[in-house]
C-alpha atoms as a PDB file:
ATOM      1  CA  MET A   1     121.509  86.953  86.489  1.00  0.00           C
ATOM      2  CA  THR A   2     121.836  90.075  84.363  1.00  0.00           C
ATOM      3  CA  LEU A   3     119.205  92.678  83.586  1.00  0.00           C
ATOM      4  CA  SER A   4     118.928  91.465  80.004  1.00  0.00           C
ATOM      5  CA  GLN A   5     118.424  87.866  81.187  1.00  0.00           C
ATOM      6  CA  PHE A   6     115.736  89.050  83.595  1.00  0.00           C
ATOM      7  CA  PHE A   7     113.860  91.008  80.923  1.00  0.00           C
ATOM      8  CA  GLN A   8     114.151  88.189  78.367  1.00  0.00           C
ATOM      9  CA  SER A   9     112.488  85.750  80.787  1.00  0.00           C
ATOM     10  CA  CYS A  10     110.141  87.887  82.884  1.00  0.00           C
ATOM     11  CA  SER A  11     106.362  88.241  82.875  1.00  0.00           C
ATOM     12  CA  ILE A  12     104.440  91.483  83.441  1.00  0.00           C
ATOM     13  CA  LEU A  13     101.494  91.858  85.804  1.00  0.00           C
ATOM     14  CA  PRO A  14      98.371  92.854  83.869  1.00  0.00           C
ATOM     15  CA  GLY A  15      97.638  96.570  84.050  1.00  0.00           C
ATOM     16  CA  SER A  16      99.766  99.532  85.022  1.00  0.00           C
ATOM     17  CA  ILE A  17      99.762 102.666  87.145  1.00  0.00           C
ATOM     18  CA  LYS A  18      99.286 105.657  84.869  1.00  0.00           C
ATOM     19  CA  SER A  19      97.439 108.263  86.948  1.00  0.00           C
ATOM     20  CA  HIS A  20      99.585 111.257  87.830  1.00  0.00           C
ATOM     21  CA  LYS A  21      96.930 113.928  88.348  1.00  0.00           C
ATOM     22  CA  SER A  22      94.841 112.341  91.102  1.00  0.00           C
ATOM     23  CA  LYS A  23      96.182 110.551  94.172  1.00  0.00           C
ATOM     24  CA  GLU A  24      92.881 108.661  94.442  1.00  0.00           C
ATOM     25  CA  ASP A  25      93.194 107.360  90.857  1.00  0.00           C
ATOM     26  CA  TYR A  26      96.845 106.436  91.490  1.00  0.00           C
ATOM     27  CA  LEU A  27      95.856 104.450  94.597  1.00  0.00           C
ATOM     28  CA  CYS A  28      93.006 102.747  92.759  1.00  0.00           C
ATOM     29  CA  GLU A  29      95.342 101.652  89.945  1.00  0.00           C
ATOM     30  CA  PHE A  30      97.958 100.526  92.469  1.00  0.00           C
ATOM     31  CA  LYS A  31      95.363  98.350  94.238  1.00  0.00           C
ATOM     32  CA  GLN A  32      94.063  96.962  90.928  1.00  0.00           C
ATOM     33  CA  LEU A  33      97.565  95.975  89.881  1.00  0.00           C
ATOM     34  CA  PHE A  34      98.116  93.969  93.068  1.00  0.00           C
ATOM     35  CA  ASN A  35      94.596  92.562  93.271  1.00  0.00           C
ATOM     36  CA  SER A  36      94.919  90.827  89.908  1.00  0.00           C
ATOM     37  CA  GLN A  37      94.631  87.041  89.875  1.00  0.00           C
ATOM     38  CA  GLU A  38      98.252  86.849  88.757  1.00  0.00           C
ATOM     39  CA  ALA A  39      99.444  88.928  91.735  1.00  0.00           C
ATOM     40  CA  ARG A  40      97.378  86.771  94.105  1.00  0.00           C
ATOM     41  CA  ASN A  41      98.881  83.526  92.779  1.00  0.00           C
ATOM     42  CA  THR A  42     102.491  84.455  92.064  1.00  0.00           C
ATOM     43  CA  SER A  43     105.108  83.969  94.793  1.00  0.00           C
ATOM     44  CA  ASN A  44     108.880  83.435  95.054  1.00  0.00           C
ATOM     45  CA  VAL A  45     109.618  86.225  92.641  1.00  0.00           C
ATOM     46  CA  LEU A  46     112.329  88.616  91.658  1.00  0.00           C
ATOM     47  CA  TYR A  47     110.588  91.766  90.445  1.00  0.00           C
ATOM     48  CA  ALA A  48     111.134  95.260  89.126  1.00  0.00           C
ATOM     49  CA  PHE A  49     108.911  98.305  88.927  1.00  0.00           C
ATOM     50  CA  VAL A  50     109.494  99.753  85.455  1.00  0.00           C
ATOM     51  CA  CYS A  51     108.235 102.784  83.557  1.00  0.00           C
ATOM     52  CA  GLU A  52     107.669 103.144  79.807  1.00  0.00           C
ATOM     53  CA  LYS A  53     110.560 105.523  79.052  1.00  0.00           C
ATOM     54  CA  GLU A  54     114.117 105.402  80.302  1.00  0.00           C
ATOM     55  CA  ILE A  55     115.251 107.663  83.157  1.00  0.00           C
ATOM     56  CA  PRO A  56     118.711 109.277  82.881  1.00  0.00           C
ATOM     57  CA  ARG A  57     121.199 107.782  85.354  1.00  0.00           C
ATOM     58  CA  VAL A  58     124.803 108.661  86.249  1.00  0.00           C
ATOM     59  CA  MET A  59     125.824 106.407  83.352  1.00  0.00           C
ATOM     60  CA  GLY A  60     123.257 105.735  80.652  1.00  0.00           C
ATOM     61  CA  LYS A  61     119.510 105.373  81.085  1.00  0.00           C
ATOM     62  CA  SER A  62     117.142 102.792  82.548  1.00  0.00           C
ATOM     63  CA  ASN A  63     113.401 102.319  82.919  1.00  0.00           C
ATOM     64  CA  ILE A  64     113.869 100.415  86.215  1.00  0.00           C
ATOM     65  CA  ILE A  65     112.550 102.217  89.295  1.00  0.00           C
ATOM     66  CA  TYR A  66     112.966  99.485  91.911  1.00  0.00           C
ATOM     67  CA  ILE A  67     114.324  95.930  92.121  1.00  0.00           C
ATOM     68  CA  GLY A  68     113.110  93.575  94.840  1.00  0.00           C
ATOM     69  CA  GLN A  69     112.261  90.009  95.751  1.00  0.00           C
ATOM     70  CA  THR A  70     109.698  88.221  97.890  1.00  0.00           C
ATOM     71  CA  VAL A  71     108.770  84.704  98.899  1.00  0.00           C
ATOM     72  CA  LYS A  72     105.196  85.940  99.514  1.00  0.00           C
ATOM     73  CA  THR A  73     102.669  86.476  96.748  1.00  0.00           C
ATOM     74  CA  LEU A  74     103.039  89.830  95.049  1.00  0.00           C
ATOM     75  CA  ARG A  75      99.668  90.837  96.482  1.00  0.00           C
ATOM     76  CA  ASP A  76     100.679  89.945 100.046  1.00  0.00           C
ATOM     77  CA  ARG A  77     104.035  91.692  99.653  1.00  0.00           C
ATOM     78  CA  TYR A  78     102.460  94.982  98.697  1.00  0.00           C
ATOM     79  CA  GLN A  79      99.362  94.722 100.845  1.00  0.00           C
ATOM     80  CA  SER A  80     101.581  94.789 103.922  1.00  0.00           C
ATOM     81  CA  TYR A  81     103.275  97.998 102.691  1.00  0.00           C
ATOM     82  CA  HIS A  82     100.132  99.689 101.398  1.00  0.00           C
ATOM     83  CA  ARG A  83     100.484 102.677 103.763  1.00  0.00           C
ATOM     84  CA  TYR A  84     104.008 103.301 102.549  1.00  0.00           C
ATOM     85  CA  TYR A  85     102.935 103.366  98.908  1.00  0.00           C
ATOM     86  CA  CYS A  86      99.964 105.581  99.775  1.00  0.00           C
ATOM     87  CA  SER A  87     102.116 108.195 101.506  1.00  0.00           C
ATOM     88  CA  ASP A  88     102.306 111.735 100.133  1.00  0.00           C
ATOM     89  CA  TYR A  89     106.032 111.170  99.612  1.00  0.00           C
ATOM     90  CA  ASN A  90     105.449 108.218  97.282  1.00  0.00           C
ATOM     91  CA  TRP A  91     102.500 109.853  95.556  1.00  0.00           C
ATOM     92  CA  ALA A  92     104.753 112.838  94.729  1.00  0.00           C
ATOM     93  CA  PHE A  93     107.550 110.551  93.485  1.00  0.00           C
ATOM     94  CA  TYR A  94     105.386 108.266  91.337  1.00  0.00           C
ATOM     95  CA  SER A  95     103.233 111.072  89.932  1.00  0.00           C
ATOM     96  CA  ASP A  96     106.409 112.812  88.712  1.00  0.00           C
ATOM     97  CA  VAL A  97     107.796 109.573  87.264  1.00  0.00           C
ATOM     98  CA  ILE A  98     104.525 108.789  85.468  1.00  0.00           C
ATOM     99  CA  LYS A  99     104.197 112.349  84.121  1.00  0.00           C
ATOM    100  CA  ARG A 100     107.763 112.361  82.760  1.00  0.00           C
ATOM    101  CA  TYR A 101     108.468 108.708  81.908  1.00  0.00           C
ATOM    102  CA  GLY A 102     105.090 107.019  81.413  1.00  0.00           C
ATOM    103  CA  ALA A 103     103.040 104.347  83.129  1.00  0.00           C
ATOM    104  CA  VAL A 104     104.576 102.104  85.778  1.00  0.00           C
ATOM    105  CA  SER A 105     104.207  98.331  85.606  1.00  0.00           C
ATOM    106  CA  LEU A 106     105.672  95.374  87.427  1.00  0.00           C
ATOM    107  CA  ALA A 107     107.928  92.823  85.723  1.00  0.00           C
ATOM    108  CA  TYR A 108     108.601  89.588  87.599  1.00  0.00           C
ATOM    109  CA  LEU A 109     110.362  86.258  87.345  1.00  0.00           C
ATOM    110  CA  ILE A 110     109.609  83.205  89.473  1.00  0.00           C
ATOM    111  CA  ILE A 111     112.728  81.802  91.174  1.00  0.00           C
ATOM    112  CA  ASP A 112     112.885  78.289  92.649  1.00  0.00           C
ATOM    113  CA  THR A 113     114.302  78.736  96.148  1.00  0.00           C
ATOM    114  CA  PRO A 114     114.590  81.559  98.708  1.00  0.00           C
ATOM    115  CA  GLN A 115     118.402  81.360  98.548  1.00  0.00           C
ATOM    116  CA  SER A 116     118.356  81.561  94.747  1.00  0.00           C
ATOM    117  CA  LEU A 117     115.935  84.476  95.048  1.00  0.00           C
ATOM    118  CA  LYS A 118     118.296  86.461  97.286  1.00  0.00           C
ATOM    119  CA  GLU A 119     121.246  85.684  95.025  1.00  0.00           C
ATOM    120  CA  ALA A 120     119.294  86.702  91.911  1.00  0.00           C
ATOM    121  CA  GLU A 121     118.273  90.008  93.521  1.00  0.00           C
ATOM    122  CA  SER A 122     121.870  90.709  94.521  1.00  0.00           C
ATOM    123  CA  ASP A 123     123.049  89.832  90.989  1.00  0.00           C
ATOM    124  CA  LEU A 124     120.466  92.123  89.418  1.00  0.00           C
ATOM    125  CA  LEU A 125     121.342  95.021  91.725  1.00  0.00           C
ATOM    126  CA  ARG A 126     125.060  94.463  91.100  1.00  0.00           C
ATOM    127  CA  ASN A 127     124.476  94.405  87.347  1.00  0.00           C
ATOM    128  CA  TYR A 128     122.393  97.588  87.534  1.00  0.00           C
ATOM    129  CA  TYR A 129     125.097  99.306  89.591  1.00  0.00           C
ATOM    130  CA  ASN A 130     127.842  98.210  87.195  1.00  0.00           C
ATOM    131  CA  LEU A 131     125.869  99.617  84.255  1.00  0.00           C
ATOM    132  CA  HIS A 132     124.725 102.875  85.857  1.00  0.00           C
ATOM    133  CA  ARG A 133     127.077 103.503  88.837  1.00  0.00           C
ATOM    134  CA  GLU A 134     124.100 103.955  91.151  1.00  0.00           C
ATOM    135  CA  SER A 135     121.103 102.036  92.479  1.00  0.00           C
ATOM    136  CA  PRO A 136     117.627 102.212  90.943  1.00  0.00           C
ATOM    137  CA  PRO A 137     115.837 105.360  92.188  1.00  0.00           C
ATOM    138  CA  LYS A 138     113.638 103.660  94.803  1.00  0.00           C
ATOM    139  CA  ASN A 139     116.343 101.247  95.953  1.00  0.00           C
ATOM    140  CA  SER A 140     118.582 104.086  97.007  1.00  0.00           C
ATOM    141  CA  GLN A 141     116.294 105.971  99.371  1.00  0.00           C
ATOM    142  CA  GLY A 142     113.826 105.404 102.186  1.00  0.00           C
ATOM    143  CA  TYR A 143     112.210 102.019 102.724  1.00  0.00           C
ATOM    144  CA  GLY A 144     113.433  99.431 100.304  1.00  0.00           C
ATOM    145  CA  SER A 145     117.095 100.404 100.374  1.00  0.00           C
ATOM    146  CA  TRP A 146     119.062  97.276  99.699  1.00  0.00           C
ATOM    147  CA  GLY A 147     120.804  96.765 102.997  1.00  0.00           C
ATOM    148  CA  GLY A 148     123.342  94.498 101.337  1.00  0.00           C
ATOM    149  CA  ALA A 149     124.718  97.348  99.247  1.00  0.00           C
ATOM    150  CA  ILE A 150     128.366  96.621 100.013  1.00  0.00           C
ATOM    151  CA  VAL A 151     127.937  92.929  99.262  1.00  0.00           C
ATOM    152  CA  ALA A 152     125.736  93.530  96.223  1.00  0.00           C
ATOM    153  CA  ILE A 153     128.172  95.806  94.388  1.00  0.00           C
ATOM    154  CA  LYS A 154     131.368  93.838  95.057  1.00  0.00           C
ATOM    155  CA  GLU A 155     132.775  92.182  92.005  1.00  0.00           C
ATOM    156  CA  PRO A 156     132.303  88.373  91.966  1.00  0.00           C
END
């Protein structure tokens, strides 16, 4: 799967995270995004956090902040990592992204099987790397680093 195929077929969770001045407002919007009915009912997904404007990369630009996958519902996936997303480190990162590049939303695509899900994530990360010569900003640092980096960027 390529990035363009993903974005041609994906859905977007209702709402977005747009608060960059208040950590409390940011956290409230984050919780609202993942408490939506859609987030509660959607599982087996390939997803990407995206912002409104493109971020300069080593090669080109992209509005993708993070690419991931889960067999859980989107709500359950992020409820278990709530503390991580509420950390001062992430607040500083996302507030800067929102201030410079606009609101953050979550694009997702339902994938049939766990194996297909892992393959689709690897394909998307490989395609991103081939286009930009680096990982998405939140995939390349801290929690969420794609441990399969060597495998994911090898040519097919």
